[in-house]
ModelCIF file with pLDDT and N, C-alpha, C, O atoms, coordinates in Angstrom:
data_MODEL
#
_entry.id   MODEL 
#
_entity.id                         1 
_entity.type                       polymer 
_entity.pdbx_number_of_molecules   1 
#
_entity_poly.entity_id                      1 
_entity_poly.type                           'polypeptide(L)' 
_entity_poly.nstd_linkage                   no 
_entity_poly.nstd_monomer                   no 
_entity_poly.pdbx_seq_one_letter_code       IQQRAQVLKRSATPKQAADIDSALGRLVDGEGMGTLFKALALASPGF 
_entity_poly.pdbx_seq_one_letter_code_can   IQQRAQVLKRSATPKQAADIDSALGRLVDGEGMGTLFKALALASPGF 
_entity_poly.pdbx_strand_id                 A 
#
loop_
_entity_poly_seq.entity_id 
_entity_poly_seq.num 
_entity_poly_seq.mon_id 
_entity_poly_seq.hetero 
1 1  ILE n 
1 2  GLN n 
1 3  GLN n 
1 4  ARG n 
1 5  ALA n 
1 6  GLN n 
1 7  VAL n 
1 8  LEU n 
1 9  LYS n 
1 10 ARG n 
1 11 SER n 
1 12 ALA n 
1 13 THR n 
1 14 PRO n 
1 15 LYS n 
1 16 GLN n 
1 17 ALA n 
1 18 ALA n 
1 19 ASP n 
1 20 ILE n 
1 21 ASP n 
1 22 SER n 
1 23 ALA n 
1 24 LEU n 
1 25 GLY n 
1 26 ARG n 
1 27 LEU n 
1 28 VAL n 
1 29 ASP n 
1 30 GLY n 
1 31 GLU n 
1 32 GLY n 
1 33 MET n 
1 34 GLY n 
1 35 THR n 
1 36 LEU n 
1 37 PHE n 
1 38 LYS n 
1 39 ALA n 
1 40 LEU n 
1 41 ALA n 
1 42 LEU n 
1 43 ALA n 
1 44 SER n 
1 45 PRO n 
1 46 GLY n 
1 47 PHE n 
#
_struct_asym.id          A 
_struct_asym.entity_id   1 
#
loop_
_ma_qa_metric.id 
_ma_qa_metric.mode 
_ma_qa_metric.name 
_ma_qa_metric.software_group_id 
_ma_qa_metric.type 
1 global pLDDT . pLDDT 
2 local  pLDDT . pLDDT 
#
_ma_qa_metric_global.metric_id      1 
_ma_qa_metric_global.metric_value   95.06 
_ma_qa_metric_global.model_id       1 
_ma_qa_metric_global.ordinal_id     1 
#
loop_
_ma_qa_metric_local.label_asym_id 
_ma_qa_metric_local.label_comp_id 
_ma_qa_metric_local.label_seq_id 
_ma_qa_metric_local.metric_id 
_ma_qa_metric_local.metric_value 
_ma_qa_metric_local.model_id 
_ma_qa_metric_local.ordinal_id 
A ILE 1  2 98.00 1 1  
A GLN 2  2 97.00 1 2  
A GLN 3  2 97.00 1 3  
A ARG 4  2 96.00 1 4  
A ALA 5  2 97.00 1 5  
A GLN 6  2 97.00 1 6  
A VAL 7  2 96.00 1 7  
A LEU 8  2 96.00 1 8  
A LYS 9  2 96.00 1 9  
A ARG 10 2 96.00 1 10 
A SER 11 2 94.00 1 11 
A ALA 12 2 95.00 1 12 
A THR 13 2 96.00 1 13 
A PRO 14 2 95.00 1 14 
A LYS 15 2 96.00 1 15 
A GLN 16 2 96.00 1 16 
A ALA 17 2 96.00 1 17 
A ALA 18 2 96.00 1 18 
A ASP 19 2 96.00 1 19 
A ILE 20 2 96.00 1 20 
A ASP 21 2 96.00 1 21 
A SER 22 2 95.00 1 22 
A ALA 23 2 96.00 1 23 
A LEU 24 2 96.00 1 24 
A GLY 25 2 96.00 1 25 
A ARG 26 2 95.00 1 26 
A LEU 27 2 97.00 1 27 
A VAL 28 2 97.00 1 28 
A ASP 29 2 92.00 1 29 
A GLY 30 2 81.00 1 30 
A GLU 31 2 78.00 1 31 
A GLY 32 2 81.00 1 32 
A MET 33 2 93.00 1 33 
A GLY 34 2 94.00 1 34 
A THR 35 2 93.00 1 35 
A LEU 36 2 93.00 1 36 
A PHE 37 2 96.00 1 37 
A LYS 38 2 97.00 1 38 
A ALA 39 2 98.00 1 39 
A LEU 40 2 98.00 1 40 
A ALA 41 2 98.00 1 41 
A LEU 42 2 98.00 1 42 
A ALA 43 2 98.00 1 43 
A SER 44 2 98.00 1 44 
A PRO 45 2 98.00 1 45 
A GLY 46 2 97.00 1 46 
A PHE 47 2 97.00 1 47 
#
loop_
_atom_site.group_PDB 
_atom_site.id 
_atom_site.type_symbol 
_atom_site.label_atom_id 
_atom_site.label_alt_id 
_atom_site.label_comp_id 
_atom_site.label_asym_id 
_atom_site.label_entity_id 
_atom_site.label_seq_id 
_atom_site.pdbx_PDB_ins_code 
_atom_site.Cartn_x 
_atom_site.Cartn_y 
_atom_site.Cartn_z 
_atom_site.occupancy 
_atom_site.B_iso_or_equiv 
_atom_site.pdbx_formal_charge 
_atom_site.auth_seq_id 
_atom_site.auth_comp_id 
_atom_site.auth_asym_id 
_atom_site.auth_atom_id 
_atom_site.pdbx_PDB_model_num 
ATOM 1   N N  . ILE A 1 1  ? -34.140 -32.688 -38.369 1.00 98.00 ? 1  ILE A N  1 
ATOM 2   C CA . ILE A 1 1  ? -35.580 -32.436 -38.330 1.00 98.00 ? 1  ILE A CA 1 
ATOM 3   C C  . ILE A 1 1  ? -36.293 -33.014 -39.555 1.00 98.00 ? 1  ILE A C  1 
ATOM 4   O O  . ILE A 1 1  ? -37.446 -33.432 -39.452 1.00 98.00 ? 1  ILE A O  1 
ATOM 5   N N  . GLN A 1 2  ? -35.626 -33.043 -40.707 1.00 97.00 ? 2  GLN A N  1 
ATOM 6   C CA . GLN A 1 2  ? -36.275 -33.616 -41.890 1.00 97.00 ? 2  GLN A CA 1 
ATOM 7   C C  . GLN A 1 2  ? -36.532 -35.107 -41.697 1.00 97.00 ? 2  GLN A C  1 
ATOM 8   O O  . GLN A 1 2  ? -37.592 -35.614 -42.065 1.00 97.00 ? 2  GLN A O  1 
ATOM 9   N N  . GLN A 1 3  ? -35.557 -35.804 -41.118 1.00 97.00 ? 3  GLN A N  1 
ATOM 10  C CA . GLN A 1 3  ? -35.726 -37.236 -40.872 1.00 97.00 ? 3  GLN A CA 1 
ATOM 11  C C  . GLN A 1 3  ? -36.828 -37.480 -39.840 1.00 97.00 ? 3  GLN A C  1 
ATOM 12  O O  . GLN A 1 3  ? -37.602 -38.429 -39.958 1.00 97.00 ? 3  GLN A O  1 
ATOM 13  N N  . ARG A 1 4  ? -36.888 -36.607 -38.823 1.00 96.00 ? 4  ARG A N  1 
ATOM 14  C CA . ARG A 1 4  ? -37.938 -36.769 -37.817 1.00 96.00 ? 4  ARG A CA 1 
ATOM 15  C C  . ARG A 1 4  ? -39.311 -36.534 -38.437 1.00 96.00 ? 4  ARG A C  1 
ATOM 16  O O  . ARG A 1 4  ? -40.271 -37.227 -38.100 1.00 96.00 ? 4  ARG A O  1 
ATOM 17  N N  . ALA A 1 5  ? -39.411 -35.573 -39.329 1.00 97.00 ? 5  ALA A N  1 
ATOM 18  C CA . ALA A 1 5  ? -40.683 -35.315 -40.002 1.00 97.00 ? 5  ALA A CA 1 
ATOM 19  C C  . ALA A 1 5  ? -41.125 -36.531 -40.808 1.00 97.00 ? 5  ALA A C  1 
ATOM 20  O O  . ALA A 1 5  ? -42.305 -36.884 -40.808 1.00 97.00 ? 5  ALA A O  1 
ATOM 21  N N  . GLN A 1 6  ? -40.191 -37.165 -41.487 1.00 97.00 ? 6  GLN A N  1 
ATOM 22  C CA . GLN A 1 6  ? -40.533 -38.351 -42.276 1.00 97.00 ? 6  GLN A CA 1 
ATOM 23  C C  . GLN A 1 6  ? -41.049 -39.474 -41.388 1.00 97.00 ? 6  GLN A C  1 
ATOM 24  O O  . GLN A 1 6  ? -41.991 -40.176 -41.756 1.00 97.00 ? 6  GLN A O  1 
ATOM 25  N N  . VAL A 1 7  ? -40.431 -39.649 -40.212 1.00 96.00 ? 7  VAL A N  1 
ATOM 26  C CA . VAL A 1 7  ? -40.877 -40.687 -39.291 1.00 96.00 ? 7  VAL A CA 1 
ATOM 27  C C  . VAL A 1 7  ? -42.305 -40.398 -38.821 1.00 96.00 ? 7  VAL A C  1 
ATOM 28  O O  . VAL A 1 7  ? -43.135 -41.306 -38.776 1.00 96.00 ? 7  VAL A O  1 
ATOM 29  N N  . LEU A 1 8  ? -42.593 -39.152 -38.474 1.00 96.00 ? 8  LEU A N  1 
ATOM 30  C CA . LEU A 1 8  ? -43.931 -38.794 -38.007 1.00 96.00 ? 8  LEU A CA 1 
ATOM 31  C C  . LEU A 1 8  ? -44.976 -38.987 -39.100 1.00 96.00 ? 8  LEU A C  1 
ATOM 32  O O  . LEU A 1 8  ? -46.115 -39.353 -38.810 1.00 96.00 ? 8  LEU A O  1 
ATOM 33  N N  . LYS A 1 9  ? -44.601 -38.745 -40.339 1.00 96.00 ? 9  LYS A N  1 
ATOM 34  C CA . LYS A 1 9  ? -45.557 -38.831 -41.443 1.00 96.00 ? 9  LYS A CA 1 
ATOM 35  C C  . LYS A 1 9  ? -45.931 -40.270 -41.786 1.00 96.00 ? 9  LYS A C  1 
ATOM 36  O O  . LYS A 1 9  ? -46.953 -40.504 -42.431 1.00 96.00 ? 9  LYS A O  1 
ATOM 37  N N  . ARG A 1 10 ? -45.115 -41.236 -41.360 1.00 96.00 ? 10 ARG A N  1 
ATOM 38  C CA . ARG A 1 10 ? -45.411 -42.635 -41.684 1.00 96.00 ? 10 ARG A CA 1 
ATOM 39  C C  . ARG A 1 10 ? -46.747 -43.082 -41.117 1.00 96.00 ? 10 ARG A C  1 
ATOM 40  O O  . ARG A 1 10 ? -47.448 -43.887 -41.732 1.00 96.00 ? 10 ARG A O  1 
ATOM 41  N N  . SER A 1 11 ? -47.103 -42.566 -39.951 1.00 94.00 ? 11 SER A N  1 
ATOM 42  C CA . SER A 1 11 ? -48.359 -42.982 -39.315 1.00 94.00 ? 11 SER A CA 1 
ATOM 43  C C  . SER A 1 11 ? -49.389 -41.855 -39.319 1.00 94.00 ? 11 SER A C  1 
ATOM 44  O O  . SER A 1 11 ? -50.352 -41.888 -38.553 1.00 94.00 ? 11 SER A O  1 
ATOM 45  N N  . ALA A 1 12 ? -49.188 -40.859 -40.181 1.00 95.00 ? 12 ALA A N  1 
ATOM 46  C CA . ALA A 1 12 ? -50.081 -39.702 -40.191 1.00 95.00 ? 12 ALA A CA 1 
ATOM 47  C C  . ALA A 1 12 ? -51.144 -39.813 -41.268 1.00 95.00 ? 12 ALA A C  1 
ATOM 48  O O  . ALA A 1 12 ? -50.939 -40.463 -42.293 1.00 95.00 ? 12 ALA A O  1 
ATOM 49  N N  . THR A 1 13 ? -52.276 -39.178 -41.029 1.00 96.00 ? 13 THR A N  1 
ATOM 50  C CA . THR A 1 13 ? -53.283 -39.030 -42.076 1.00 96.00 ? 13 THR A CA 1 
ATOM 51  C C  . THR A 1 13 ? -52.773 -38.008 -43.100 1.00 96.00 ? 13 THR A C  1 
ATOM 52  O O  . THR A 1 13 ? -51.815 -37.290 -42.813 1.00 96.00 ? 13 THR A O  1 
ATOM 53  N N  . PRO A 1 14 ? -53.385 -37.926 -44.280 1.00 95.00 ? 14 PRO A N  1 
ATOM 54  C CA . PRO A 1 14 ? -52.941 -36.914 -45.251 1.00 95.00 ? 14 PRO A CA 1 
ATOM 55  C C  . PRO A 1 14 ? -52.954 -35.496 -44.684 1.00 95.00 ? 14 PRO A C  1 
ATOM 56  O O  . PRO A 1 14 ? -52.037 -34.717 -44.945 1.00 95.00 ? 14 PRO A O  1 
ATOM 57  N N  . LYS A 1 15 ? -53.984 -35.158 -43.911 1.00 96.00 ? 15 LYS A N  1 
ATOM 58  C CA . LYS A 1 15 ? -54.020 -33.809 -43.325 1.00 96.00 ? 15 LYS A CA 1 
ATOM 59  C C  . LYS A 1 15 ? -52.911 -33.635 -42.300 1.00 96.00 ? 15 LYS A C  1 
ATOM 60  O O  . LYS A 1 15 ? -52.260 -32.591 -42.267 1.00 96.00 ? 15 LYS A O  1 
ATOM 61  N N  . GLN A 1 16 ? -52.687 -34.646 -41.463 1.00 96.00 ? 16 GLN A N  1 
ATOM 62  C CA . GLN A 1 16 ? -51.611 -34.556 -40.486 1.00 96.00 ? 16 GLN A CA 1 
ATOM 63  C C  . GLN A 1 16 ? -50.248 -34.433 -41.175 1.00 96.00 ? 16 GLN A C  1 
ATOM 64  O O  . GLN A 1 16 ? -49.382 -33.680 -40.728 1.00 96.00 ? 16 GLN A O  1 
ATOM 65  N N  . ALA A 1 17 ? -50.069 -35.182 -42.267 1.00 96.00 ? 17 ALA A N  1 
ATOM 66  C CA . ALA A 1 17 ? -48.809 -35.092 -43.009 1.00 96.00 ? 17 ALA A CA 1 
ATOM 67  C C  . ALA A 1 17 ? -48.604 -33.691 -43.577 1.00 96.00 ? 17 ALA A C  1 
ATOM 68  O O  . ALA A 1 17 ? -47.492 -33.162 -43.559 1.00 96.00 ? 17 ALA A O  1 
ATOM 69  N N  . ALA A 1 18 ? -49.680 -33.098 -44.078 1.00 96.00 ? 18 ALA A N  1 
ATOM 70  C CA . ALA A 1 18 ? -49.583 -31.732 -44.594 1.00 96.00 ? 18 ALA A CA 1 
ATOM 71  C C  . ALA A 1 18 ? -49.242 -30.753 -43.475 1.00 96.00 ? 18 ALA A C  1 
ATOM 72  O O  . ALA A 1 18 ? -48.470 -29.817 -43.679 1.00 96.00 ? 18 ALA A O  1 
ATOM 73  N N  . ASP A 1 19 ? -49.819 -30.970 -42.293 1.00 96.00 ? 19 ASP A N  1 
ATOM 74  C CA . ASP A 1 19 ? -49.508 -30.108 -41.150 1.00 96.00 ? 19 ASP A CA 1 
ATOM 75  C C  . ASP A 1 19 ? -48.049 -30.245 -40.730 1.00 96.00 ? 19 ASP A C  1 
ATOM 76  O O  . ASP A 1 19 ? -47.402 -29.260 -40.371 1.00 96.00 ? 19 ASP A O  1 
ATOM 77  N N  . ILE A 1 20 ? -47.539 -31.465 -40.776 1.00 96.00 ? 20 ILE A N  1 
ATOM 78  C CA . ILE A 1 20 ? -46.129 -31.688 -40.439 1.00 96.00 ? 20 ILE A CA 1 
ATOM 79  C C  . ILE A 1 20 ? -45.223 -30.955 -41.415 1.00 96.00 ? 20 ILE A C  1 
ATOM 80  O O  . ILE A 1 20 ? -44.252 -30.315 -41.010 1.00 96.00 ? 20 ILE A O  1 
ATOM 81  N N  . ASP A 1 21 ? -45.540 -31.048 -42.706 1.00 96.00 ? 21 ASP A N  1 
ATOM 82  C CA . ASP A 1 21 ? -44.745 -30.335 -43.714 1.00 96.00 ? 21 ASP A CA 1 
ATOM 83  C C  . ASP A 1 21 ? -44.814 -28.825 -43.508 1.00 96.00 ? 21 ASP A C  1 
ATOM 84  O O  . ASP A 1 21 ? -43.812 -28.125 -43.651 1.00 96.00 ? 21 ASP A O  1 
ATOM 85  N N  . SER A 1 22 ? -46.001 -28.331 -43.173 1.00 95.00 ? 22 SER A N  1 
ATOM 86  C CA . SER A 1 22 ? -46.169 -26.903 -42.938 1.00 95.00 ? 22 SER A CA 1 
ATOM 87  C C  . SER A 1 22 ? -45.338 -26.441 -41.738 1.00 95.00 ? 22 SER A C  1 
ATOM 88  O O  . SER A 1 22 ? -44.677 -25.404 -41.795 1.00 95.00 ? 22 SER A O  1 
ATOM 89  N N  . ALA A 1 23 ? -45.376 -27.214 -40.661 1.00 96.00 ? 23 ALA A N  1 
ATOM 90  C CA . ALA A 1 23 ? -44.604 -26.867 -39.473 1.00 96.00 ? 23 ALA A CA 1 
ATOM 91  C C  . ALA A 1 23 ? -43.108 -26.926 -39.757 1.00 96.00 ? 23 ALA A C  1 
ATOM 92  O O  . ALA A 1 23 ? -42.350 -26.067 -39.307 1.00 96.00 ? 23 ALA A O  1 
ATOM 93  N N  . LEU A 1 24 ? -42.689 -27.940 -40.505 1.00 96.00 ? 24 LEU A N  1 
ATOM 94  C CA . LEU A 1 24 ? -41.283 -28.051 -40.870 1.00 96.00 ? 24 LEU A CA 1 
ATOM 95  C C  . LEU A 1 24 ? -40.827 -26.799 -41.623 1.00 96.00 ? 24 LEU A C  1 
ATOM 96  O O  . LEU A 1 24 ? -39.781 -26.225 -41.319 1.00 96.00 ? 24 LEU A O  1 
ATOM 97  N N  . GLY A 1 25 ? -41.622 -26.390 -42.601 1.00 96.00 ? 25 GLY A N  1 
ATOM 98  C CA . GLY A 1 25 ? -41.267 -25.204 -43.356 1.00 96.00 ? 25 GLY A CA 1 
ATOM 99  C C  . GLY A 1 25 ? -41.214 -23.965 -42.482 1.00 96.00 ? 25 GLY A C  1 
ATOM 100 O O  . GLY A 1 25 ? -40.318 -23.132 -42.625 1.00 96.00 ? 25 GLY A O  1 
ATOM 101 N N  . ARG A 1 26 ? -42.163 -23.846 -41.588 1.00 95.00 ? 26 ARG A N  1 
ATOM 102 C CA . ARG A 1 26 ? -42.200 -22.665 -40.721 1.00 95.00 ? 26 ARG A CA 1 
ATOM 103 C C  . ARG A 1 26 ? -40.964 -22.585 -39.825 1.00 95.00 ? 26 ARG A C  1 
ATOM 104 O O  . ARG A 1 26 ? -40.464 -21.496 -39.543 1.00 95.00 ? 26 ARG A O  1 
ATOM 105 N N  . LEU A 1 27 ? -40.478 -23.737 -39.381 1.00 97.00 ? 27 LEU A N  1 
ATOM 106 C CA . LEU A 1 27 ? -39.338 -23.758 -38.468 1.00 97.00 ? 27 LEU A CA 1 
ATOM 107 C C  . LEU A 1 27 ? -38.004 -23.559 -39.156 1.00 97.00 ? 27 LEU A C  1 
ATOM 108 O O  . LEU A 1 27 ? -37.076 -23.034 -38.543 1.00 97.00 ? 27 LEU A O  1 
ATOM 109 N N  . VAL A 1 28 ? -37.877 -23.966 -40.429 1.00 97.00 ? 28 VAL A N  1 
ATOM 110 C CA . VAL A 1 28 ? -36.547 -23.964 -41.052 1.00 97.00 ? 28 VAL A CA 1 
ATOM 111 C C  . VAL A 1 28 ? -36.418 -23.066 -42.272 1.00 97.00 ? 28 VAL A C  1 
ATOM 112 O O  . VAL A 1 28 ? -35.297 -22.720 -42.647 1.00 97.00 ? 28 VAL A O  1 
ATOM 113 N N  . ASP A 1 29 ? -37.519 -22.674 -42.909 1.00 92.00 ? 29 ASP A N  1 
ATOM 114 C CA . ASP A 1 29 ? -37.399 -21.932 -44.160 1.00 92.00 ? 29 ASP A CA 1 
ATOM 115 C C  . ASP A 1 29 ? -36.830 -20.537 -43.952 1.00 92.00 ? 29 ASP A C  1 
ATOM 116 O O  . ASP A 1 29 ? -36.927 -19.950 -42.874 1.00 92.00 ? 29 ASP A O  1 
ATOM 117 N N  . GLY A 1 30 ? -36.236 -20.031 -45.020 1.00 81.00 ? 30 GLY A N  1 
ATOM 118 C CA . GLY A 1 30 ? -35.538 -18.758 -44.948 1.00 81.00 ? 30 GLY A CA 1 
ATOM 119 C C  . GLY A 1 30 ? -36.418 -17.538 -44.881 1.00 81.00 ? 30 GLY A C  1 
ATOM 120 O O  . GLY A 1 30 ? -35.913 -16.446 -44.618 1.00 81.00 ? 30 GLY A O  1 
ATOM 121 N N  . GLU A 1 31 ? -37.717 -17.668 -45.106 1.00 78.00 ? 31 GLU A N  1 
ATOM 122 C CA . GLU A 1 31 ? -38.591 -16.503 -45.100 1.00 78.00 ? 31 GLU A CA 1 
ATOM 123 C C  . GLU A 1 31 ? -39.133 -16.170 -43.714 1.00 78.00 ? 31 GLU A C  1 
ATOM 124 O O  . GLU A 1 31 ? -39.788 -15.142 -43.543 1.00 78.00 ? 31 GLU A O  1 
ATOM 125 N N  . GLY A 1 32 ? -38.874 -17.015 -42.727 1.00 81.00 ? 32 GLY A N  1 
ATOM 126 C CA . GLY A 1 32 ? -39.463 -16.767 -41.416 1.00 81.00 ? 32 GLY A CA 1 
ATOM 127 C C  . GLY A 1 32 ? -38.541 -17.145 -40.284 1.00 81.00 ? 32 GLY A C  1 
ATOM 128 O O  . GLY A 1 32 ? -37.410 -16.664 -40.197 1.00 81.00 ? 32 GLY A O  1 
ATOM 129 N N  . MET A 1 33 ? -39.038 -18.023 -39.403 1.00 93.00 ? 33 MET A N  1 
ATOM 130 C CA . MET A 1 33 ? -38.300 -18.367 -38.199 1.00 93.00 ? 33 MET A CA 1 
ATOM 131 C C  . MET A 1 33 ? -36.949 -18.996 -38.510 1.00 93.00 ? 33 MET A C  1 
ATOM 132 O O  . MET A 1 33 ? -36.004 -18.865 -37.731 1.00 93.00 ? 33 MET A O  1 
ATOM 133 N N  . GLY A 1 34 ? -36.858 -19.666 -39.630 1.00 94.00 ? 34 GLY A N  1 
ATOM 134 C CA . GLY A 1 34 ? -35.624 -20.386 -39.949 1.00 94.00 ? 34 GLY A CA 1 
ATOM 135 C C  . GLY A 1 34 ? -34.403 -19.504 -40.006 1.00 94.00 ? 34 GLY A C  1 
ATOM 136 O O  . GLY A 1 34 ? -33.311 -19.943 -39.644 1.00 94.00 ? 34 GLY A O  1 
ATOM 137 N N  . THR A 1 35 ? -34.557 -18.259 -40.455 1.00 93.00 ? 35 THR A N  1 
ATOM 138 C CA . THR A 1 35 ? -33.411 -17.350 -40.523 1.00 93.00 ? 35 THR A CA 1 
ATOM 139 C C  . THR A 1 35 ? -33.486 -16.221 -39.508 1.00 93.00 ? 35 THR A C  1 
ATOM 140 O O  . THR A 1 35 ? -32.451 -15.760 -39.027 1.00 93.00 ? 35 THR A O  1 
ATOM 141 N N  . LEU A 1 36 ? -34.691 -15.766 -39.174 1.00 93.00 ? 36 LEU A N  1 
ATOM 142 C CA . LEU A 1 36 ? -34.812 -14.697 -38.188 1.00 93.00 ? 36 LEU A CA 1 
ATOM 143 C C  . LEU A 1 36 ? -34.286 -15.153 -36.835 1.00 93.00 ? 36 LEU A C  1 
ATOM 144 O O  . LEU A 1 36 ? -33.649 -14.383 -36.116 1.00 93.00 ? 36 LEU A O  1 
ATOM 145 N N  . PHE A 1 37 ? -34.555 -16.417 -36.490 1.00 96.00 ? 37 PHE A N  1 
ATOM 146 C CA . PHE A 1 37 ? -34.085 -16.946 -35.214 1.00 96.00 ? 37 PHE A CA 1 
ATOM 147 C C  . PHE A 1 37 ? -32.688 -17.528 -35.370 1.00 96.00 ? 37 PHE A C  1 
ATOM 148 O O  . PHE A 1 37 ? -32.362 -18.147 -36.384 1.00 96.00 ? 37 PHE A O  1 
ATOM 149 N N  . LYS A 1 38 ? -31.872 -17.316 -34.345 1.00 97.00 ? 38 LYS A N  1 
ATOM 150 C CA . LYS A 1 38 ? -30.497 -17.802 -34.336 1.00 97.00 ? 38 LYS A CA 1 
ATOM 151 C C  . LYS A 1 38 ? -30.299 -18.724 -33.136 1.00 97.00 ? 38 LYS A C  1 
ATOM 152 O O  . LYS A 1 38 ? -31.091 -18.714 -32.194 1.00 97.00 ? 38 LYS A O  1 
ATOM 153 N N  . ALA A 1 39 ? -29.239 -19.515 -33.185 1.00 98.00 ? 39 ALA A N  1 
ATOM 154 C CA . ALA A 1 39 ? -28.908 -20.428 -32.092 1.00 98.00 ? 39 ALA A CA 1 
ATOM 155 C C  . ALA A 1 39 ? -27.445 -20.248 -31.716 1.00 98.00 ? 39 ALA A C  1 
ATOM 156 O O  . ALA A 1 39 ? -26.572 -20.182 -32.580 1.00 98.00 ? 39 ALA A O  1 
ATOM 157 N N  . LEU A 1 40 ? -27.194 -20.171 -30.425 1.00 98.00 ? 40 LEU A N  1 
ATOM 158 C CA . LEU A 1 40 ? -25.853 -20.020 -29.864 1.00 98.00 ? 40 LEU A CA 1 
ATOM 159 C C  . LEU A 1 40 ? -25.654 -21.139 -28.860 1.00 98.00 ? 40 LEU A C  1 
ATOM 160 O O  . LEU A 1 40 ? -26.531 -21.399 -28.036 1.00 98.00 ? 40 LEU A O  1 
ATOM 161 N N  . ALA A 1 41 ? -24.505 -21.804 -28.921 1.00 98.00 ? 41 ALA A N  1 
ATOM 162 C CA . ALA A 1 41 ? -24.179 -22.855 -27.959 1.00 98.00 ? 41 ALA A CA 1 
ATOM 163 C C  . ALA A 1 41 ? -23.058 -22.374 -27.048 1.00 98.00 ? 41 ALA A C  1 
ATOM 164 O O  . ALA A 1 41 ? -22.109 -21.732 -27.497 1.00 98.00 ? 41 ALA A O  1 
ATOM 165 N N  . LEU A 1 42 ? -23.179 -22.689 -25.777 1.00 98.00 ? 42 LEU A N  1 
ATOM 166 C CA . LEU A 1 42 ? -22.142 -22.423 -24.789 1.00 98.00 ? 42 LEU A CA 1 
ATOM 167 C C  . LEU A 1 42 ? -21.746 -23.753 -24.166 1.00 98.00 ? 42 LEU A C  1 
ATOM 168 O O  . LEU A 1 42 ? -22.570 -24.660 -24.048 1.00 98.00 ? 42 LEU A O  1 
ATOM 169 N N  . ALA A 1 43 ? -20.492 -23.864 -23.772 1.00 98.00 ? 43 ALA A N  1 
ATOM 170 C CA . ALA A 1 43 ? -20.039 -25.135 -23.207 1.00 98.00 ? 43 ALA A CA 1 
ATOM 171 C C  . ALA A 1 43 ? -18.876 -24.907 -22.263 1.00 98.00 ? 43 ALA A C  1 
ATOM 172 O O  . ALA A 1 43 ? -18.193 -23.884 -22.315 1.00 98.00 ? 43 ALA A O  1 
ATOM 173 N N  . SER A 1 44 ? -18.668 -25.894 -21.395 1.00 98.00 ? 44 SER A N  1 
ATOM 174 C CA . SER A 1 44 ? -17.533 -25.858 -20.484 1.00 98.00 ? 44 SER A CA 1 
ATOM 175 C C  . SER A 1 44 ? -16.227 -25.938 -21.270 1.00 98.00 ? 44 SER A C  1 
ATOM 176 O O  . SER A 1 44 ? -16.202 -26.522 -22.353 1.00 98.00 ? 44 SER A O  1 
ATOM 177 N N  . PRO A 1 45 ? -15.152 -25.368 -20.755 1.00 98.00 ? 45 PRO A N  1 
ATOM 178 C CA . PRO A 1 45 ? -13.858 -25.446 -21.440 1.00 98.00 ? 45 PRO A CA 1 
ATOM 179 C C  . PRO A 1 45 ? -13.484 -26.896 -21.741 1.00 98.00 ? 45 PRO A C  1 
ATOM 180 O O  . PRO A 1 45 ? -13.544 -27.763 -20.868 1.00 98.00 ? 45 PRO A O  1 
ATOM 181 N N  . GLY A 1 46 ? -13.100 -27.140 -22.988 1.00 97.00 ? 46 GLY A N  1 
ATOM 182 C CA . GLY A 1 46 ? -12.696 -28.475 -23.402 1.00 97.00 ? 46 GLY A CA 1 
ATOM 183 C C  . GLY A 1 46 ? -13.818 -29.360 -23.884 1.00 97.00 ? 46 GLY A C  1 
ATOM 184 O O  . GLY A 1 46 ? -13.568 -30.458 -24.382 1.00 97.00 ? 46 GLY A O  1 
ATOM 185 N N  . PHE A 1 47 ? -15.067 -28.901 -23.746 1.00 97.00 ? 47 PHE A N  1 
ATOM 186 C CA . PHE A 1 47 ? -16.204 -29.703 -24.201 1.00 97.00 ? 47 PHE A CA 1 
ATOM 187 C C  . PHE A 1 47 ? -16.175 -29.866 -25.717 1.00 97.00 ? 47 PHE A C  1 
ATOM 188 O O  . PHE A 1 47 ? -17.055 -30.513 -26.285 1.00 97.00 ? 47 PHE A O  1 
#
């Protein structure tokens, strides 16, 4: 996600770049969704 954020910021205005950074932090930082939310993967046997 960090690399994707950098790609999006290349063509962004300063405000858009700030919004991208804000969204990145909201999704991954430890004070909010980044730790409260968890991810579980399921797969077929042998996958």
